[in-house]
C-alpha atoms as a PDB file:
ATOM      1  CA  MET A   1      -6.648 -19.206 -25.945  1.00  0.00           C
ATOM      2  CA  VAL A   2      -5.555 -17.123 -22.951  1.00  0.00           C
ATOM      3  CA  SER A   3      -8.003 -14.492 -21.684  1.00  0.00           C
ATOM      4  CA  ARG A   4      -6.960 -10.860 -21.846  1.00  0.00           C
ATOM      5  CA  SER A   5      -7.086 -10.525 -18.071  1.00  0.00           C
ATOM      6  CA  ALA A   6      -4.741 -13.512 -17.715  1.00  0.00           C
ATOM      7  CA  ALA A   7      -2.434 -12.246 -20.447  1.00  0.00           C
ATOM      8  CA  TYR A   8      -2.306  -8.695 -19.093  1.00  0.00           C
ATOM      9  CA  PRO A   9      -2.779  -8.899 -15.319  1.00  0.00           C
ATOM     10  CA  HIS A  10      -1.178  -5.478 -14.820  1.00  0.00           C
ATOM     11  CA  VAL A  11      -4.048  -3.887 -16.791  1.00  0.00           C
ATOM     12  CA  VAL A  12      -6.626  -5.562 -14.532  1.00  0.00           C
ATOM     13  CA  ASP A  13      -4.581  -4.485 -11.481  1.00  0.00           C
ATOM     14  CA  THR A  14      -4.702  -0.924 -12.818  1.00  0.00           C
ATOM     15  CA  ALA A  15      -8.484  -1.201 -13.198  1.00  0.00           C
ATOM     16  CA  VAL A  16      -8.852  -2.502  -9.630  1.00  0.00           C
ATOM     17  CA  THR A  17      -6.681   0.270  -8.208  1.00  0.00           C
ATOM     18  CA  ALA A  18      -8.514   2.951 -10.173  1.00  0.00           C
ATOM     19  CA  ALA A  19     -11.937   1.566  -9.165  1.00  0.00           C
ATOM     20  CA  LEU A  20     -10.908   1.444  -5.497  1.00  0.00           C
ATOM     21  CA  ASP A  21      -9.614   5.024  -5.698  1.00  0.00           C
ATOM     22  CA  GLU A  22     -12.824   6.180  -7.372  1.00  0.00           C
ATOM     23  CA  LEU A  23     -14.995   4.483  -4.743  1.00  0.00           C
ATOM     24  CA  ALA A  24     -12.878   5.975  -1.958  1.00  0.00           C
ATOM     25  CA  GLU A  25     -13.584   9.410  -3.429  1.00  0.00           C
ATOM     26  CA  ARG A  26     -17.258   8.933  -4.413  1.00  0.00           C
ATOM     27  CA  GLY A  27     -18.523   6.481  -1.821  1.00  0.00           C
ATOM     28  CA  THR A  28     -20.679   4.539  -4.293  1.00  0.00           C
ATOM     29  CA  ALA A  29     -20.892   4.105  -8.049  1.00  0.00           C
ATOM     30  CA  THR A  30     -22.549   1.928 -10.657  1.00  0.00           C
ATOM     31  CA  GLY A  31     -20.560  -0.231 -13.046  1.00  0.00           C
ATOM     32  CA  PRO A  32     -20.984   2.208 -15.963  1.00  0.00           C
ATOM     33  CA  GLU A  33     -19.886   5.103 -13.744  1.00  0.00           C
ATOM     34  CA  LEU A  34     -16.744   3.202 -12.757  1.00  0.00           C
ATOM     35  CA  VAL A  35     -16.003   2.284 -16.378  1.00  0.00           C
ATOM     36  CA  GLU A  36     -16.296   5.942 -17.389  1.00  0.00           C
ATOM     37  CA  ALA A  37     -14.187   7.162 -14.456  1.00  0.00           C
ATOM     38  CA  VAL A  38     -11.459   4.546 -14.906  1.00  0.00           C
ATOM     39  CA  GLY A  39     -11.240   5.088 -18.662  1.00  0.00           C
ATOM     40  CA  LEU A  40     -10.170   1.557 -19.587  1.00  0.00           C
ATOM     41  CA  ASN A  41     -11.873  -1.096 -21.694  1.00  0.00           C
ATOM     42  CA  PRO A  42     -15.254  -1.908 -20.085  1.00  0.00           C
ATOM     43  CA  SER A  43     -14.554  -5.654 -19.951  1.00  0.00           C
ATOM     44  CA  THR A  44     -11.229  -4.997 -18.189  1.00  0.00           C
ATOM     45  CA  VAL A  45     -12.921  -2.777 -15.613  1.00  0.00           C
ATOM     46  CA  ARG A  46     -15.717  -5.334 -15.067  1.00  0.00           C
ATOM     47  CA  GLU A  47     -13.105  -8.076 -14.543  1.00  0.00           C
ATOM     48  CA  GLY A  48     -11.228  -5.877 -12.075  1.00  0.00           C
ATOM     49  CA  ILE A  49     -14.429  -5.129 -10.165  1.00  0.00           C
ATOM     50  CA  ARG A  50     -15.307  -8.843 -10.110  1.00  0.00           C
ATOM     51  CA  GLN A  51     -11.889  -9.735  -8.736  1.00  0.00           C
ATOM     52  CA  ALA A  52     -12.084  -6.996  -6.097  1.00  0.00           C
ATOM     53  CA  CYS A  53     -15.564  -8.186  -5.070  1.00  0.00           C
ATOM     54  CA  ASP A  54     -14.314 -11.775  -4.837  1.00  0.00           C
ATOM     55  CA  ALA A  55     -11.395 -10.572  -2.694  1.00  0.00           C
ATOM     56  CA  GLY A  56     -13.761  -8.683  -0.385  1.00  0.00           C
ATOM     57  CA  GLU A  57     -12.395  -5.240  -1.298  1.00  0.00           C
ATOM     58  CA  ILE A  58     -15.550  -4.000  -3.040  1.00  0.00           C
ATOM     59  CA  ALA A  59     -19.121  -4.624  -1.873  1.00  0.00           C
ATOM     60  CA  ARG A  60     -22.053  -4.795  -4.257  1.00  0.00           C
ATOM     61  CA  ARG A  61     -25.767  -4.360  -3.768  1.00  0.00           C
ATOM     62  CA  PRO A  62     -28.737  -4.047  -6.098  1.00  0.00           C
ATOM     63  CA  CYS A  63     -29.747  -0.568  -7.176  1.00  0.00           C
ATOM     64  CA  PRO A  64     -33.036   0.292  -5.442  1.00  0.00           C
ATOM     65  CA  THR A  65     -34.372   2.218  -8.460  1.00  0.00           C
ATOM     66  CA  ASP A  66     -33.090   0.121 -11.376  1.00  0.00           C
ATOM     67  CA  PRO A  67     -32.936  -3.664 -10.958  1.00  0.00           C
ATOM     68  CA  ARG A  68     -30.560  -3.926 -13.943  1.00  0.00           C
ATOM     69  CA  MET A  69     -27.871  -1.952 -12.093  1.00  0.00           C
ATOM     70  CA  THR A  70     -25.531  -2.798  -9.257  1.00  0.00           C
ATOM     71  CA  ILE A  71     -24.206  -0.268  -6.760  1.00  0.00           C
ATOM     72  CA  TYR A  72     -20.571  -0.729  -5.716  1.00  0.00           C
ATOM     73  CA  SER A  73     -18.824   0.636  -2.636  1.00  0.00           C
ATOM     74  CA  LEU A  74     -15.706  -0.099  -0.653  1.00  0.00           C
ATOM     75  CA  ALA A  75     -16.298  -3.154   1.486  1.00  0.00           C
ATOM     76  CA  GLU A  76     -16.256  -2.650   5.203  1.00  0.00           C
ATOM     77  CA  GLU A  77     -14.161  -4.947   7.334  1.00  0.00           C
ATOM     78  CA  GLY A  78     -15.979  -8.258   7.657  1.00  0.00           C
ATOM     79  CA  ASP A  79     -18.137  -7.558   4.579  1.00  0.00           C
ATOM     80  CA  ASP A  80     -18.184 -10.530   2.201  1.00  0.00           C
ATOM     81  CA  GLY A  81     -18.658  -8.373  -0.906  1.00  0.00           C
ATOM     82  CA  GLU A  82     -22.232  -9.476  -1.499  1.00  0.00           C
END
């Protein structure tokens, strides 16, 4: 079976673009905040964020007040996304 993200790469690309735009405007956001702002299926947005982190476009760090959350931001040049 082919995954949804593989079958519909344009949807994941849309999620990545929307997440990058949202982070450019906000500065930082949690995963749930990005899902709400992007307005696509949560799994699609999570996959887009994962791909952007792997590509070094989005950086992630643990939330200082809630260890269950991750804070995302645009990666700075030379940032490895971690």
